[in-house]
Amino acid sequence: MKHSNEYRSVTALAKALNLPEGEARRVDIRTDLVVAIQKAVTKKGLTHVASAKLTGVGRTVITALMNGNSKHISTDRLIHIAEQLGLRVSLKVA
C-alpha cells in the first residue's frame, strides 16, 4: 500500500526532505515565478506560440512552464519571461 503525505508549503516539504532552509526559499521563489507566468499567460489569453514570440523563448519552454515544469529553466530565464509578459519582478534582501 502506498503512503503519501500532503504538505501545505514548500518550506514544510523541504523540511520533510531534510533540505537546507535556503533551498526551500529558492524553490519557493521559483514556484512563485512559474505561477505568476502561468497566470499572466492565461489572463492575456495567449497561446503557447504567442507567449513564446512575446517572451523570446521557445514554445517548448512556455509549454513546460504552463505544465508546471521549470526543472531545466534557470531563475534568470524565469525572471526574463515574467518581465516580457509585463510583470515586475523584485527581490528583497533582508
Protein backbone atom coordinates (compact mmCIF):
# COMPACT_ATOMS: atom_id res chain seq x y z
CA MET A 1 0.00 0.00 0.00
CA LYS A 2 1.35 3.41 -0.97
CA HIS A 3 1.66 6.06 1.68
CA SER A 4 1.53 9.73 0.75
CA ASN A 5 1.89 12.94 2.67
CA GLU A 6 0.43 16.33 1.94
CA TYR A 7 2.39 19.49 2.68
CA ARG A 8 0.91 22.96 2.93
CA SER A 9 4.05 24.80 1.87
CA VAL A 10 7.35 24.37 0.12
CA THR A 11 9.04 25.02 3.46
CA ALA A 12 7.20 22.11 5.09
CA LEU A 13 8.06 19.82 2.17
CA ALA A 14 11.72 20.86 2.24
CA LYS A 15 11.86 20.22 5.97
CA ALA A 16 10.37 16.74 5.48
CA LEU A 17 13.03 16.06 2.83
CA ASN A 18 15.76 17.41 5.12
CA LEU A 19 16.74 20.09 2.61
CA PRO A 20 18.65 23.15 3.82
CA GLU A 21 16.44 26.14 4.70
CA GLY A 22 17.94 28.23 1.90
CA GLU A 23 16.97 25.61 -0.67
CA ALA A 24 13.33 25.85 0.42
CA ARG A 25 13.40 29.61 -0.15
CA ARG A 26 14.88 29.17 -3.64
CA VAL A 27 12.21 26.62 -4.56
CA ASP A 28 9.54 28.94 -3.18
CA ILE A 29 10.80 31.87 -5.27
CA ARG A 30 10.91 29.76 -8.43
CA THR A 31 7.42 28.41 -7.75
CA ASP A 32 6.11 31.97 -7.33
CA LEU A 33 7.67 32.95 -10.66
CA VAL A 34 6.16 29.98 -12.51
CA VAL A 35 2.69 30.58 -11.05
CA ALA A 36 2.89 34.29 -11.95
CA ILE A 37 3.93 33.41 -15.51
CA GLN A 38 1.06 30.90 -15.83
CA LYS A 39 -1.44 33.49 -14.59
CA ALA A 40 -0.12 36.19 -16.93
CA VAL A 41 -0.31 33.93 -19.99
CA THR A 42 -3.82 32.83 -19.06
CA LYS A 43 -5.02 36.36 -18.26
CA LYS A 44 -3.71 37.67 -21.57
CA GLY A 45 -5.32 34.74 -23.42
CA LEU A 46 -2.05 33.91 -25.15
CA THR A 47 -1.32 30.67 -26.92
CA HIS A 48 1.98 28.93 -26.21
CA VAL A 49 3.28 30.10 -29.58
CA ALA A 50 2.23 33.72 -28.98
CA SER A 51 3.73 33.63 -25.49
CA ALA A 52 6.99 32.28 -26.88
CA LYS A 53 7.19 35.04 -29.50
CA LEU A 54 6.40 37.73 -26.93
CA THR A 55 8.98 36.50 -24.45
CA GLY A 56 11.69 35.46 -26.91
CA VAL A 57 11.91 31.85 -25.78
CA GLY A 58 10.99 28.59 -27.47
CA ARG A 59 7.45 27.26 -27.40
CA THR A 60 8.62 24.19 -25.54
CA VAL A 61 9.84 26.41 -22.69
CA ILE A 62 6.39 28.02 -22.39
CA THR A 63 4.68 24.63 -22.62
CA ALA A 64 6.91 23.28 -19.85
CA LEU A 65 6.13 26.26 -17.62
CA MET A 66 2.40 26.03 -18.28
CA ASN A 67 2.64 22.40 -17.19
CA GLY A 68 4.48 23.44 -14.02
CA ASN A 69 7.86 22.09 -15.12
CA SER A 70 10.71 24.53 -14.59
CA LYS A 71 13.41 21.99 -13.78
CA HIS A 72 15.67 22.89 -16.71
CA ILE A 73 14.90 26.62 -16.80
CA SER A 74 17.17 28.99 -14.90
CA THR A 75 15.84 31.50 -12.42
CA ASP A 76 17.27 34.29 -14.60
CA ARG A 77 15.30 33.00 -17.56
CA LEU A 78 12.12 32.80 -15.46
CA ILE A 79 12.62 36.44 -14.46
CA HIS A 80 13.17 37.42 -18.11
CA ILE A 81 9.98 35.63 -19.21
CA ALA A 82 7.96 37.22 -16.42
CA GLU A 83 9.22 40.69 -17.32
CA GLN A 84 8.49 40.18 -21.03
CA LEU A 85 4.92 39.30 -20.02
CA GLY A 86 4.65 42.68 -18.31
CA LEU A 87 5.25 41.53 -14.75
CA ARG A 88 7.52 43.46 -12.43
CA VAL A 89 9.88 41.19 -10.54
CA SER A 90 11.61 42.41 -7.42
CA LEU A 91 13.86 40.76 -4.89
CA LYS A 92 14.01 41.78 -1.27
CA VAL A 93 17.20 41.06 0.59
CA ALA A 94 16.96 41.16 4.36
